[in-house]
Amino acid sequence: MPTLTTLEAKEMRSEPVAAIVLAAGMSSRYGGANKLLLPFSDGTVVRRVVQTVLNAGIGHIVVVTGHDRERIEAALATVPLTFVHNPRYREGEMLSSIKAGLAHLQGSAAEAAFIVPGDQPLLPVAIFRRIRQAFEHRCGDIVAPKFGAVRGHPVLIARRWWPAALALPDGAQMRMLLRANPQAVAHILVNTDAILLDVDTPEAYHRALERAGPGIEN
C-alpha cells in the first residue's frame, strides 16, 4: 500500500468528484530536470495544474508522488490537498500512479475521479467543467475530451469502473480500459489542442510558456 501524507485535507471527503494529479514520473525525456518543478506563471508546472483543478471547483485533490517526492510536496505545501506516494513509480509507469490514487479514493465519498497529468499546464478550467457537466447529465461513465480525432486529458472515470482500472495488469495503459468498453465512454469535442500538450521536452516547455496567458482562468 502507498504511504500517505495529508496537508489540510480530511481522510473522508464529501465532494462527489475528485481529481488525481499524477506527479510521480522521472521526467526521463526532459534531460535531467524535473519538468513538474519548472517555473510556470507564478509557481511551477505542477502547481499551475493543481490551481487549474481548484479553479474548476474540484476541492478533493489527490497528488500522487514518486520521484522527487519531497520537492513536489514542498512545491505544493500551501495548497489544500492530499499526497499519496507511489513506491512503484520507477517500474510501474503511469498506471501504477493511477492505481495508487484510485485505491486511496476508495475510502472517500467520491462518485468519480479526474485523471490529470501533472505536466499539462495549459489545460483550461472550462474543459474540467464541461466534462463534469457531461458526467452529471449521465452522458457516460467515462468522459474524455477530444481534439479532432485524438483523445486527451483530463479523463473522468466513475467509481463503478475503478475496480476494472485497478485490475489492469502491469504494463497496461488506461486506454485499454476505454477501448474495451466503448459503450461506457462519452467524448467531448473541444476546440483547443491544450488537452494534448505536455512539457515532456525543453522545446515543448518553451512552447507552453509562449502560449500561457497571464492568468490561470482560461
N, C-alpha and C. Protein backbone atom coordinates (compact mmCIF):
# COMPACT_ATOMS: atom_id res chain seq x y z
N MET A 1 0.84 -1.19 0.00
CA MET A 1 0.00 0.00 0.00
C MET A 1 0.88 1.25 0.00
N PRO A 2 0.47 2.30 -0.72
CA PRO A 2 1.25 3.53 -0.70
C PRO A 2 1.23 4.15 0.68
N THR A 3 2.32 4.83 1.02
CA THR A 3 2.33 5.60 2.26
C THR A 3 1.67 6.94 1.99
N LEU A 4 1.01 7.51 2.99
CA LEU A 4 0.22 8.72 2.80
C LEU A 4 0.72 9.84 3.69
N THR A 5 0.74 11.04 3.15
CA THR A 5 0.89 12.24 3.96
C THR A 5 -0.22 13.17 3.53
N THR A 6 -0.84 13.89 4.47
CA THR A 6 -2.00 14.71 4.17
C THR A 6 -1.75 16.14 4.60
N LEU A 7 -2.10 17.10 3.75
CA LEU A 7 -1.94 18.51 4.06
C LEU A 7 -3.29 19.19 3.97
N GLU A 8 -3.77 19.70 5.11
CA GLU A 8 -5.01 20.46 5.15
C GLU A 8 -6.14 19.73 4.44
N ALA A 9 -6.22 18.42 4.63
CA ALA A 9 -7.26 17.63 3.96
C ALA A 9 -7.73 16.55 4.89
N LYS A 10 -9.01 16.24 4.86
CA LYS A 10 -9.57 15.19 5.67
C LYS A 10 -9.51 13.87 4.93
N GLU A 11 -9.44 12.78 5.70
CA GLU A 11 -9.38 11.47 5.07
C GLU A 11 -10.68 11.13 4.35
N MET A 12 -11.78 11.52 4.95
CA MET A 12 -13.06 11.25 4.30
C MET A 12 -13.61 12.54 3.73
N ARG A 13 -13.89 12.57 2.45
CA ARG A 13 -14.37 13.76 1.78
C ARG A 13 -15.81 13.56 1.32
N SER A 14 -16.54 14.66 1.24
CA SER A 14 -17.92 14.58 0.81
C SER A 14 -18.10 15.03 -0.63
N GLU A 15 -17.06 15.58 -1.28
CA GLU A 15 -17.19 16.04 -2.64
C GLU A 15 -17.49 14.89 -3.59
N PRO A 16 -18.46 15.06 -4.51
CA PRO A 16 -18.82 13.95 -5.40
C PRO A 16 -17.79 13.67 -6.49
N VAL A 17 -16.98 14.67 -6.82
CA VAL A 17 -15.96 14.49 -7.86
C VAL A 17 -14.60 14.86 -7.29
N ALA A 18 -13.63 13.97 -7.48
CA ALA A 18 -12.26 14.20 -7.02
C ALA A 18 -11.34 14.29 -8.23
N ALA A 19 -10.09 14.59 -7.97
CA ALA A 19 -9.09 14.64 -9.03
C ALA A 19 -7.81 13.98 -8.55
N ILE A 20 -7.23 13.16 -9.42
CA ILE A 20 -5.93 12.55 -9.17
C ILE A 20 -4.92 13.22 -10.08
N VAL A 21 -3.98 13.95 -9.51
CA VAL A 21 -2.94 14.62 -10.29
C VAL A 21 -1.68 13.74 -10.24
N LEU A 22 -1.21 13.34 -11.40
CA LEU A 22 -0.08 12.42 -11.49
C LEU A 22 1.22 13.21 -11.48
N ALA A 23 2.02 13.01 -10.43
CA ALA A 23 3.25 13.78 -10.25
C ALA A 23 4.40 12.90 -9.79
N ALA A 24 4.43 11.65 -10.26
CA ALA A 24 5.41 10.69 -9.78
C ALA A 24 6.54 10.41 -10.76
N GLY A 25 6.41 10.88 -12.00
CA GLY A 25 7.35 10.49 -13.05
C GLY A 25 8.76 11.02 -12.86
N MET A 26 9.68 10.43 -13.62
CA MET A 26 11.09 10.77 -13.52
C MET A 26 11.55 11.79 -14.56
N SER A 27 10.65 12.25 -15.42
CA SER A 27 10.98 13.25 -16.44
C SER A 27 12.16 12.81 -17.29
N SER A 28 12.20 11.53 -17.65
CA SER A 28 13.36 10.99 -18.36
C SER A 28 13.58 11.64 -19.72
N ARG A 29 12.52 12.09 -20.38
CA ARG A 29 12.67 12.70 -21.69
C ARG A 29 13.14 14.14 -21.61
N TYR A 30 13.07 14.73 -20.43
CA TYR A 30 13.42 16.14 -20.32
C TYR A 30 14.93 16.37 -20.24
N GLY A 31 15.66 15.38 -19.80
CA GLY A 31 17.10 15.52 -19.80
C GLY A 31 17.72 15.97 -18.49
N GLY A 32 17.18 15.47 -17.37
CA GLY A 32 17.80 15.75 -16.08
C GLY A 32 16.94 16.56 -15.15
N ALA A 33 16.30 17.61 -15.61
CA ALA A 33 15.45 18.43 -14.75
C ALA A 33 14.09 17.77 -14.54
N ASN A 34 13.50 18.03 -13.39
CA ASN A 34 12.13 17.55 -13.15
C ASN A 34 11.18 18.56 -13.78
N LYS A 35 10.51 18.16 -14.86
CA LYS A 35 9.66 19.08 -15.61
C LYS A 35 8.53 19.66 -14.76
N LEU A 36 8.06 18.90 -13.77
CA LEU A 36 6.95 19.37 -12.95
C LEU A 36 7.34 20.56 -12.07
N LEU A 37 8.63 20.72 -11.82
CA LEU A 37 9.11 21.77 -10.94
C LEU A 37 9.66 22.97 -11.71
N LEU A 38 9.53 22.96 -13.03
CA LEU A 38 9.98 24.08 -13.83
C LEU A 38 9.10 25.30 -13.57
N PRO A 39 9.64 26.50 -13.64
CA PRO A 39 8.84 27.72 -13.41
C PRO A 39 7.70 27.84 -14.43
N PHE A 40 6.53 28.24 -13.93
CA PHE A 40 5.39 28.45 -14.82
C PHE A 40 4.43 29.41 -14.13
N SER A 41 4.06 30.48 -14.83
CA SER A 41 3.21 31.52 -14.25
C SER A 41 3.85 31.99 -12.94
N ASP A 42 3.11 31.95 -11.85
CA ASP A 42 3.64 32.42 -10.58
C ASP A 42 4.18 31.29 -9.71
N GLY A 43 4.32 30.11 -10.29
CA GLY A 43 4.79 28.98 -9.49
C GLY A 43 5.55 27.99 -10.34
N THR A 44 5.08 26.75 -10.33
CA THR A 44 5.71 25.68 -11.09
C THR A 44 4.67 25.04 -12.00
N VAL A 45 5.13 24.16 -12.87
CA VAL A 45 4.22 23.46 -13.78
C VAL A 45 3.15 22.71 -13.00
N VAL A 46 3.55 21.92 -12.01
CA VAL A 46 2.58 21.11 -11.28
C VAL A 46 1.65 21.99 -10.44
N ARG A 47 2.15 23.10 -9.94
CA ARG A 47 1.27 23.99 -9.16
C ARG A 47 0.23 24.64 -10.08
N ARG A 48 0.62 24.97 -11.29
CA ARG A 48 -0.34 25.52 -12.25
C ARG A 48 -1.45 24.51 -12.51
N VAL A 49 -1.09 23.24 -12.69
CA VAL A 49 -2.09 22.21 -12.95
C VAL A 49 -3.04 22.09 -11.76
N VAL A 50 -2.50 22.02 -10.57
CA VAL A 50 -3.32 21.89 -9.37
C VAL A 50 -4.23 23.11 -9.20
N GLN A 51 -3.71 24.30 -9.46
CA GLN A 51 -4.51 25.51 -9.33
C GLN A 51 -5.66 25.51 -10.33
N THR A 52 -5.41 25.00 -11.53
CA THR A 52 -6.48 24.91 -12.53
C THR A 52 -7.59 23.99 -12.03
N VAL A 53 -7.22 22.87 -11.44
CA VAL A 53 -8.20 21.93 -10.90
C VAL A 53 -9.02 22.61 -9.80
N LEU A 54 -8.35 23.32 -8.92
CA LEU A 54 -9.07 24.05 -7.86
C LEU A 54 -10.01 25.09 -8.44
N ASN A 55 -9.55 25.82 -9.44
CA ASN A 55 -10.38 26.86 -10.04
C ASN A 55 -11.59 26.27 -10.76
N ALA A 56 -11.51 25.02 -11.12
CA ALA A 56 -12.63 24.34 -11.76
C ALA A 56 -13.67 23.88 -10.75
N GLY A 57 -13.43 24.14 -9.46
CA GLY A 57 -14.40 23.80 -8.44
C GLY A 57 -14.25 22.41 -7.86
N ILE A 58 -13.09 21.80 -8.04
CA ILE A 58 -12.85 20.45 -7.52
C ILE A 58 -12.01 20.59 -6.25
N GLY A 59 -12.63 20.32 -5.12
CA GLY A 59 -11.95 20.55 -3.85
C GLY A 59 -11.20 19.36 -3.28
N HIS A 60 -11.47 18.17 -3.82
CA HIS A 60 -10.79 16.98 -3.31
C HIS A 60 -9.74 16.56 -4.33
N ILE A 61 -8.49 16.91 -4.04
CA ILE A 61 -7.39 16.65 -4.95
C ILE A 61 -6.39 15.72 -4.30
N VAL A 62 -6.03 14.67 -5.02
CA VAL A 62 -5.00 13.73 -4.59
C VAL A 62 -3.82 13.86 -5.54
N VAL A 63 -2.67 14.20 -5.02
CA VAL A 63 -1.45 14.29 -5.83
C VAL A 63 -0.61 13.05 -5.56
N VAL A 64 -0.35 12.27 -6.60
CA VAL A 64 0.44 11.04 -6.47
C VAL A 64 1.90 11.37 -6.74
N THR A 65 2.74 11.12 -5.75
CA THR A 65 4.17 11.43 -5.86
C THR A 65 4.99 10.15 -6.04
N GLY A 66 6.23 10.35 -6.43
CA GLY A 66 7.16 9.24 -6.62
C GLY A 66 8.56 9.81 -6.64
N HIS A 67 9.11 10.05 -7.83
CA HIS A 67 10.39 10.71 -8.00
C HIS A 67 10.32 12.13 -7.43
N ASP A 68 11.36 12.54 -6.74
CA ASP A 68 11.42 13.90 -6.16
C ASP A 68 10.24 14.17 -5.23
N ARG A 69 9.85 13.18 -4.49
CA ARG A 69 8.68 13.31 -3.63
C ARG A 69 8.74 14.54 -2.73
N GLU A 70 9.86 14.75 -2.06
CA GLU A 70 9.95 15.85 -1.11
C GLU A 70 9.83 17.20 -1.80
N ARG A 71 10.43 17.34 -2.98
CA ARG A 71 10.39 18.61 -3.70
C ARG A 71 8.99 18.90 -4.25
N ILE A 72 8.31 17.86 -4.71
CA ILE A 72 6.94 18.04 -5.19
C ILE A 72 6.05 18.49 -4.03
N GLU A 73 6.19 17.83 -2.89
CA GLU A 73 5.38 18.20 -1.73
C GLU A 73 5.68 19.63 -1.28
N ALA A 74 6.94 20.02 -1.35
CA ALA A 74 7.31 21.39 -0.96
C ALA A 74 6.72 22.41 -1.93
N ALA A 75 6.68 22.07 -3.21
CA ALA A 75 6.15 23.00 -4.21
C ALA A 75 4.65 23.22 -4.04
N LEU A 76 3.98 22.27 -3.38
CA LEU A 76 2.53 22.36 -3.20
C LEU A 76 2.16 22.52 -1.72
N ALA A 77 3.12 22.98 -0.94
CA ALA A 77 2.96 22.97 0.52
C ALA A 77 1.81 23.82 1.02
N THR A 78 1.41 24.84 0.29
CA THR A 78 0.36 25.73 0.77
C THR A 78 -1.00 25.44 0.15
N VAL A 79 -1.10 24.35 -0.60
CA VAL A 79 -2.34 24.02 -1.31
C VAL A 79 -3.10 22.94 -0.54
N PRO A 80 -4.42 23.09 -0.35
CA PRO A 80 -5.19 22.06 0.36
C PRO A 80 -5.41 20.83 -0.51
N LEU A 81 -4.66 19.79 -0.22
CA LEU A 81 -4.75 18.56 -0.99
C LEU A 81 -4.19 17.40 -0.19
N THR A 82 -4.25 16.21 -0.78
CA THR A 82 -3.72 15.02 -0.14
C THR A 82 -2.61 14.44 -1.01
N PHE A 83 -1.50 14.06 -0.39
CA PHE A 83 -0.42 13.39 -1.10
C PHE A 83 -0.52 11.88 -0.89
N VAL A 84 -0.35 11.14 -1.96
CA VAL A 84 -0.25 9.68 -1.91
C VAL A 84 1.04 9.30 -2.60
N HIS A 85 1.90 8.57 -1.92
CA HIS A 85 3.17 8.19 -2.52
C HIS A 85 3.04 6.84 -3.23
N ASN A 86 3.56 6.77 -4.45
CA ASN A 86 3.58 5.54 -5.22
C ASN A 86 4.99 4.96 -5.18
N PRO A 87 5.23 3.93 -4.38
CA PRO A 87 6.59 3.38 -4.29
C PRO A 87 7.02 2.64 -5.55
N ARG A 88 6.07 2.38 -6.46
CA ARG A 88 6.40 1.64 -7.70
C ARG A 88 6.54 2.58 -8.90
N TYR A 89 6.85 3.83 -8.63
CA TYR A 89 6.86 4.79 -9.72
C TYR A 89 7.93 4.48 -10.77
N ARG A 90 9.02 3.83 -10.39
CA ARG A 90 10.09 3.54 -11.36
C ARG A 90 9.67 2.48 -12.37
N GLU A 91 9.11 1.38 -11.88
CA GLU A 91 8.77 0.27 -12.77
C GLU A 91 7.31 0.24 -13.19
N GLY A 92 6.45 0.93 -12.45
CA GLY A 92 5.02 0.82 -12.70
C GLY A 92 4.46 1.79 -13.71
N GLU A 93 5.23 2.80 -14.10
CA GLU A 93 4.81 3.82 -15.05
C GLU A 93 3.51 4.51 -14.60
N MET A 94 2.82 5.14 -15.53
CA MET A 94 1.66 5.96 -15.17
C MET A 94 0.55 5.15 -14.53
N LEU A 95 0.32 3.94 -15.00
CA LEU A 95 -0.79 3.15 -14.48
C LEU A 95 -0.65 2.91 -12.98
N SER A 96 0.56 2.68 -12.49
CA SER A 96 0.73 2.42 -11.06
C SER A 96 0.35 3.65 -10.23
N SER A 97 0.58 4.84 -10.78
CA SER A 97 0.20 6.06 -10.06
C SER A 97 -1.32 6.25 -10.08
N ILE A 98 -1.94 5.93 -11.20
CA ILE A 98 -3.41 6.00 -11.26
C ILE A 98 -4.00 5.04 -10.24
N LYS A 99 -3.46 3.83 -10.17
CA LYS A 99 -3.96 2.85 -9.21
C LYS A 99 -3.78 3.34 -7.78
N ALA A 100 -2.63 3.96 -7.49
CA ALA A 100 -2.40 4.47 -6.13
C ALA A 100 -3.44 5.52 -5.77
N GLY A 101 -3.75 6.39 -6.71
CA GLY A 101 -4.76 7.41 -6.44
C GLY A 101 -6.15 6.85 -6.28
N LEU A 102 -6.53 5.91 -7.14
CA LEU A 102 -7.85 5.30 -7.05
C LEU A 102 -8.00 4.49 -5.77
N ALA A 103 -6.95 3.77 -5.40
CA ALA A 103 -7.01 2.97 -4.18
C ALA A 103 -7.26 3.88 -2.97
N HIS A 104 -6.61 5.03 -2.94
CA HIS A 104 -6.84 5.97 -1.84
C HIS A 104 -8.28 6.50 -1.86
N LEU A 105 -8.79 6.81 -3.03
CA LEU A 105 -10.12 7.40 -3.13
C LEU A 105 -11.23 6.42 -2.80
N GLN A 106 -10.92 5.14 -2.77
CA GLN A 106 -11.96 4.17 -2.39
C GLN A 106 -12.46 4.42 -0.98
N GLY A 107 -11.66 5.08 -0.18
CA GLY A 107 -12.08 5.42 1.18
C GLY A 107 -12.80 6.75 1.28
N SER A 108 -13.16 7.34 0.15
CA SER A 108 -13.85 8.62 0.14
C SER A 108 -15.28 8.44 -0.37
N ALA A 109 -16.00 9.55 -0.42
CA ALA A 109 -17.37 9.52 -0.93
C ALA A 109 -17.44 9.91 -2.40
N ALA A 110 -16.30 10.04 -3.06
CA ALA A 110 -16.28 10.48 -4.46
C ALA A 110 -17.01 9.50 -5.36
N GLU A 111 -17.81 10.04 -6.27
CA GLU A 111 -18.53 9.23 -7.24
C GLU A 111 -17.75 9.07 -8.54
N ALA A 112 -16.75 9.92 -8.75
CA ALA A 112 -15.94 9.89 -9.96
C ALA A 112 -14.63 10.60 -9.69
N ALA A 113 -13.64 10.31 -10.52
CA ALA A 113 -12.33 10.93 -10.34
C ALA A 113 -11.75 11.34 -11.69
N PHE A 114 -11.26 12.58 -11.75
CA PHE A 114 -10.49 13.04 -12.90
C PHE A 114 -9.08 12.45 -12.81
N ILE A 115 -8.56 12.01 -13.96
CA ILE A 115 -7.14 11.64 -14.07
C ILE A 115 -6.46 12.79 -14.78
N VAL A 116 -5.51 13.43 -14.08
CA VAL A 116 -4.92 14.67 -14.58
C VAL A 116 -3.39 14.55 -14.60
N PRO A 117 -2.76 14.52 -15.76
CA PRO A 117 -1.30 14.53 -15.79
C PRO A 117 -0.75 15.83 -15.21
N GLY A 118 0.26 15.72 -14.40
CA GLY A 118 0.83 16.91 -13.77
C GLY A 118 1.70 17.74 -14.68
N ASP A 119 1.89 17.29 -15.94
CA ASP A 119 2.78 18.01 -16.86
C ASP A 119 2.01 18.70 -17.99
N GLN A 120 0.71 18.99 -17.76
CA GLN A 120 -0.09 19.67 -18.78
C GLN A 120 -0.60 21.02 -18.23
N PRO A 121 0.27 22.02 -18.15
CA PRO A 121 -0.09 23.28 -17.50
C PRO A 121 -1.05 24.15 -18.30
N LEU A 122 -1.34 23.79 -19.55
CA LEU A 122 -2.23 24.61 -20.36
C LEU A 122 -3.67 24.10 -20.36
N LEU A 123 -3.96 23.08 -19.57
CA LEU A 123 -5.34 22.59 -19.52
C LEU A 123 -6.27 23.71 -19.08
N PRO A 124 -7.37 23.92 -19.80
CA PRO A 124 -8.28 25.00 -19.44
C PRO A 124 -9.26 24.59 -18.34
N VAL A 125 -9.61 25.53 -17.52
CA VAL A 125 -10.63 25.31 -16.50
C VAL A 125 -11.94 24.86 -17.13
N ALA A 126 -12.29 25.46 -18.26
CA ALA A 126 -13.58 25.17 -18.90
C ALA A 126 -13.71 23.70 -19.29
N ILE A 127 -12.61 23.06 -19.63
CA ILE A 127 -12.68 21.65 -20.03
C ILE A 127 -13.13 20.79 -18.85
N PHE A 128 -12.59 21.05 -17.67
CA PHE A 128 -13.00 20.30 -16.48
C PHE A 128 -14.50 20.49 -16.24
N ARG A 129 -14.96 21.72 -16.37
CA ARG A 129 -16.37 21.98 -16.11
C ARG A 129 -17.28 21.28 -17.13
N ARG A 130 -16.88 21.29 -18.40
CA ARG A 130 -17.69 20.64 -19.43
C ARG A 130 -17.75 19.13 -19.22
N ILE A 131 -16.62 18.54 -18.87
CA ILE A 131 -16.58 17.09 -18.64
C ILE A 131 -17.44 16.73 -17.43
N ARG A 132 -17.33 17.52 -16.38
CA ARG A 132 -18.14 17.24 -15.19
C ARG A 132 -19.63 17.36 -15.50
N GLN A 133 -20.01 18.37 -16.24
CA GLN A 133 -21.41 18.53 -16.61
C GLN A 133 -21.90 17.33 -17.43
N ALA A 134 -21.07 16.85 -18.35
CA ALA A 134 -21.46 15.69 -19.15
C ALA A 134 -21.67 14.47 -18.27
N PHE A 135 -20.80 14.30 -17.28
CA PHE A 135 -20.94 13.18 -16.36
C PHE A 135 -22.22 13.32 -15.53
N GLU A 136 -22.46 14.52 -15.02
CA GLU A 136 -23.64 14.74 -14.19
C GLU A 136 -24.94 14.59 -14.97
N HIS A 137 -24.86 14.80 -16.30
CA HIS A 137 -26.03 14.60 -17.14
C HIS A 137 -26.09 13.17 -17.71
N ARG A 138 -25.27 12.30 -17.14
CA ARG A 138 -25.26 10.87 -17.47
C ARG A 138 -24.96 10.59 -18.94
N CYS A 139 -24.04 11.38 -19.49
CA CYS A 139 -23.63 11.13 -20.88
C CYS A 139 -22.76 9.89 -20.99
N GLY A 140 -22.06 9.55 -19.92
CA GLY A 140 -21.20 8.37 -19.92
C GLY A 140 -20.58 8.17 -18.56
N ASP A 141 -20.16 6.92 -18.28
CA ASP A 141 -19.47 6.64 -17.03
C ASP A 141 -18.01 7.06 -17.09
N ILE A 142 -17.48 7.16 -18.30
CA ILE A 142 -16.12 7.64 -18.52
C ILE A 142 -16.23 8.77 -19.54
N VAL A 143 -15.72 9.94 -19.20
CA VAL A 143 -15.84 11.10 -20.08
C VAL A 143 -14.45 11.65 -20.38
N ALA A 144 -14.17 11.84 -21.66
CA ALA A 144 -12.86 12.31 -22.08
C ALA A 144 -13.00 13.35 -23.18
N PRO A 145 -12.09 14.32 -23.24
CA PRO A 145 -12.13 15.32 -24.30
C PRO A 145 -11.41 14.82 -25.55
N LYS A 146 -11.85 15.32 -26.70
CA LYS A 146 -11.20 15.01 -27.97
C LYS A 146 -10.96 16.30 -28.74
N PHE A 147 -9.77 16.38 -29.33
CA PHE A 147 -9.46 17.46 -30.26
C PHE A 147 -9.27 16.80 -31.61
N GLY A 148 -10.21 17.05 -32.51
CA GLY A 148 -10.21 16.30 -33.75
C GLY A 148 -10.51 14.84 -33.45
N ALA A 149 -9.64 13.97 -33.91
CA ALA A 149 -9.83 12.53 -33.68
C ALA A 149 -9.00 12.01 -32.52
N VAL A 150 -8.32 12.90 -31.80
CA VAL A 150 -7.37 12.48 -30.78
C VAL A 150 -7.92 12.75 -29.39
N ARG A 151 -7.94 11.70 -28.56
CA ARG A 151 -8.40 11.85 -27.18
C ARG A 151 -7.28 12.42 -26.32
N GLY A 152 -7.65 13.29 -25.38
CA GLY A 152 -6.67 13.88 -24.49
C GLY A 152 -7.06 13.76 -23.04
N HIS A 153 -6.55 14.67 -22.22
CA HIS A 153 -6.82 14.72 -20.79
C HIS A 153 -7.44 16.06 -20.43
N PRO A 154 -8.12 16.08 -19.28
CA PRO A 154 -8.30 15.03 -18.26
C PRO A 154 -9.41 14.06 -18.64
N VAL A 155 -9.35 12.88 -18.04
CA VAL A 155 -10.39 11.86 -18.22
C VAL A 155 -11.10 11.67 -16.88
N LEU A 156 -12.43 11.66 -16.91
CA LEU A 156 -13.22 11.47 -15.70
C LEU A 156 -13.77 10.05 -15.69
N ILE A 157 -13.52 9.33 -14.60
CA ILE A 157 -13.90 7.91 -14.50
C ILE A 157 -14.82 7.71 -13.30
N ALA A 158 -16.01 7.16 -13.57
CA ALA A 158 -16.97 6.89 -12.50
C ALA A 158 -16.45 5.78 -11.58
N ARG A 159 -16.87 5.84 -10.33
CA ARG A 159 -16.43 4.87 -9.32
C ARG A 159 -16.67 3.42 -9.77
N ARG A 160 -17.76 3.15 -10.47
CA ARG A 160 -18.08 1.77 -10.84
C ARG A 160 -16.99 1.15 -11.73
N TRP A 161 -16.15 1.99 -12.38
CA TRP A 161 -15.08 1.49 -13.24
C TRP A 161 -13.73 1.46 -12.55
N TRP A 162 -13.66 1.92 -11.31
CA TRP A 162 -12.38 1.88 -10.62
C TRP A 162 -11.86 0.46 -10.42
N PRO A 163 -12.71 -0.51 -10.03
CA PRO A 163 -12.18 -1.88 -9.89
C PRO A 163 -11.57 -2.41 -11.17
N ALA A 164 -12.17 -2.09 -12.32
CA ALA A 164 -11.61 -2.55 -13.59
C ALA A 164 -10.25 -1.90 -13.85
N ALA A 165 -10.11 -0.62 -13.50
CA ALA A 165 -8.84 0.06 -13.67
C ALA A 165 -7.79 -0.54 -12.73
N LEU A 166 -8.18 -0.81 -11.50
CA LEU A 166 -7.25 -1.39 -10.53
C LEU A 166 -6.84 -2.80 -10.92
N ALA A 167 -7.66 -3.48 -11.71
CA ALA A 167 -7.36 -4.85 -12.12
C ALA A 167 -6.50 -4.94 -13.38
N LEU A 168 -6.23 -3.80 -14.02
CA LEU A 168 -5.39 -3.83 -15.23
C LEU A 168 -4.01 -4.38 -14.88
N PRO A 169 -3.45 -5.21 -15.76
CA PRO A 169 -2.14 -5.82 -15.45
C PRO A 169 -1.00 -4.83 -15.59
N ASP A 170 0.12 -5.14 -14.95
CA ASP A 170 1.32 -4.32 -15.10
C ASP A 170 1.67 -4.21 -16.58
N GLY A 171 2.09 -3.03 -16.97
CA GLY A 171 2.45 -2.80 -18.36
C GLY A 171 1.29 -2.33 -19.22
N ALA A 172 0.08 -2.38 -18.68
CA ALA A 172 -1.09 -1.94 -19.43
C ALA A 172 -1.21 -0.42 -19.34
N GLN A 173 -2.13 0.12 -20.12
CA GLN A 173 -2.42 1.55 -20.09
C GLN A 173 -3.92 1.74 -19.94
N MET A 174 -4.30 2.90 -19.39
CA MET A 174 -5.72 3.16 -19.17
C MET A 174 -6.53 3.13 -20.45
N ARG A 175 -5.90 3.48 -21.57
CA ARG A 175 -6.64 3.48 -22.83
C ARG A 175 -7.18 2.10 -23.18
N MET A 176 -6.55 1.06 -22.64
CA MET A 176 -7.06 -0.29 -22.88
C MET A 176 -8.45 -0.46 -22.29
N LEU A 177 -8.69 0.13 -21.12
CA LEU A 177 -9.99 0.05 -20.48
C LEU A 177 -11.04 0.78 -21.32
N LEU A 178 -10.67 1.93 -21.84
CA LEU A 178 -11.61 2.71 -22.65
C LEU A 178 -11.93 2.00 -23.95
N ARG A 179 -10.91 1.44 -24.59
CA ARG A 179 -11.14 0.76 -25.86
C ARG A 179 -11.97 -0.50 -25.69
N ALA A 180 -11.82 -1.15 -24.55
CA ALA A 180 -12.56 -2.40 -24.32
C ALA A 180 -14.00 -2.15 -23.92
N ASN A 181 -14.33 -0.91 -23.54
CA ASN A 181 -15.68 -0.61 -23.07
C ASN A 181 -16.21 0.67 -23.72
N PRO A 182 -16.29 0.70 -25.05
CA PRO A 182 -16.69 1.95 -25.73
C PRO A 182 -18.09 2.40 -25.37
N GLN A 183 -18.94 1.47 -24.94
CA GLN A 183 -20.32 1.85 -24.59
C GLN A 183 -20.37 2.73 -23.35
N ALA A 184 -19.31 2.71 -22.55
CA ALA A 184 -19.28 3.49 -21.31
C ALA A 184 -18.63 4.85 -21.49
N VAL A 185 -18.04 5.09 -22.66
CA VAL A 185 -17.23 6.28 -22.86
C VAL A 185 -17.99 7.35 -23.65
N ALA A 186 -17.98 8.57 -23.14
CA ALA A 186 -18.51 9.73 -23.85
C ALA A 186 -17.36 10.67 -24.16
N HIS A 187 -17.27 11.10 -25.40
CA HIS A 187 -16.22 12.04 -25.80
C HIS A 187 -16.80 13.44 -25.97
N ILE A 188 -16.10 14.41 -25.44
CA ILE A 188 -16.49 15.81 -25.55
C ILE A 188 -15.55 16.47 -26.56
N LEU A 189 -16.09 16.94 -27.67
CA LEU A 189 -15.26 17.60 -28.67
C LEU A 189 -14.91 19.00 -28.20
N VAL A 190 -13.63 19.34 -28.26
CA VAL A 190 -13.16 20.66 -27.81
C VAL A 190 -12.42 21.34 -28.95
N ASN A 191 -12.28 22.65 -28.84
CA ASN A 191 -11.64 23.41 -29.90
C ASN A 191 -10.24 23.87 -29.53
N THR A 192 -9.60 23.17 -28.61
CA THR A 192 -8.23 23.51 -28.22
C THR A 192 -7.38 22.25 -28.12
N ASP A 193 -6.15 22.34 -28.61
CA ASP A 193 -5.24 21.20 -28.51
C ASP A 193 -4.51 21.18 -27.17
N ALA A 194 -4.90 22.07 -26.25
CA ALA A 194 -4.26 22.08 -24.93
C ALA A 194 -4.46 20.76 -24.20
N ILE A 195 -5.51 20.01 -24.55
CA ILE A 195 -5.75 18.72 -23.90
C ILE A 195 -4.72 17.68 -24.30
N LEU A 196 -3.91 18.00 -25.30
CA LEU A 196 -2.90 17.06 -25.80
C LEU A 196 -1.48 17.47 -25.43
N LEU A 197 -1.31 18.69 -24.96
CA LEU A 197 0.03 19.27 -24.83
C LEU A 197 0.62 19.07 -23.44
N ASP A 198 1.80 18.45 -23.40
CA ASP A 198 2.54 18.31 -22.16
C ASP A 198 3.87 19.04 -22.31
N VAL A 199 4.72 18.92 -21.29
CA VAL A 199 6.02 19.58 -21.34
C VAL A 199 7.12 18.53 -21.18
N ASP A 200 7.02 17.48 -21.98
CA ASP A 200 7.96 16.37 -21.89
C ASP A 200 9.38 16.74 -22.28
N THR A 201 9.55 17.75 -23.12
CA THR A 201 10.87 18.14 -23.60
C THR A 201 11.08 19.63 -23.38
N PRO A 202 12.32 20.10 -23.41
CA PRO A 202 12.56 21.54 -23.27
C PRO A 202 11.85 22.35 -24.35
N GLU A 203 11.79 21.82 -25.56
CA GLU A 203 11.12 22.53 -26.64
C GLU A 203 9.63 22.69 -26.33
N ALA A 204 9.00 21.61 -25.85
CA ALA A 204 7.58 21.67 -25.51
C ALA A 204 7.33 22.62 -24.35
N TYR A 205 8.24 22.64 -23.40
CA TYR A 205 8.11 23.56 -22.26
C TYR A 205 8.13 25.01 -22.71
N HIS A 206 9.06 25.35 -23.58
CA HIS A 206 9.17 26.73 -24.04
C HIS A 206 7.98 27.12 -24.91
N ARG A 207 7.44 26.18 -25.66
CA ARG A 207 6.22 26.47 -26.42
C ARG A 207 5.05 26.74 -25.48
N ALA A 208 4.98 25.96 -24.40
CA ALA A 208 3.90 26.17 -23.43
C ALA A 208 4.03 27.52 -22.75
N LEU A 209 5.25 27.93 -22.43
CA LEU A 209 5.46 29.25 -21.83
C LEU A 209 4.99 30.35 -22.77
N GLU A 210 5.26 30.19 -24.06
CA GLU A 210 4.87 31.20 -25.03
C GLU A 210 3.35 31.30 -25.15
N ARG A 211 2.67 30.15 -25.00
CA ARG A 211 1.22 30.13 -25.15
C ARG A 211 0.46 30.52 -23.89
N ALA A 212 1.14 30.45 -22.75
CA ALA A 212 0.46 30.70 -21.48
C ALA A 212 0.08 32.17 -21.37
N GLY A 213 -1.13 32.40 -20.89
CA GLY A 213 -1.58 33.76 -20.63
C GLY A 213 -1.13 34.20 -19.25
N PRO A 214 -1.47 35.43 -18.88
CA PRO A 214 -1.06 35.96 -17.58
C PRO A 214 -1.80 35.36 -16.40
N GLY A 215 -2.98 34.74 -16.65
CA GLY A 215 -3.78 34.21 -15.55
C GLY A 215 -4.00 32.73 -15.68
N ILE A 216 -4.59 32.13 -14.63
CA ILE A 216 -4.90 30.71 -14.61
C ILE A 216 -6.21 30.43 -15.32
N GLU A 217 -7.20 31.27 -15.12
CA GLU A 217 -8.52 31.02 -15.71
C GLU A 217 -8.41 31.12 -17.23
N ASN A 218 -8.79 30.03 -17.91
CA ASN A 218 -8.75 30.04 -19.37
C ASN A 218 -9.73 29.04 -19.90
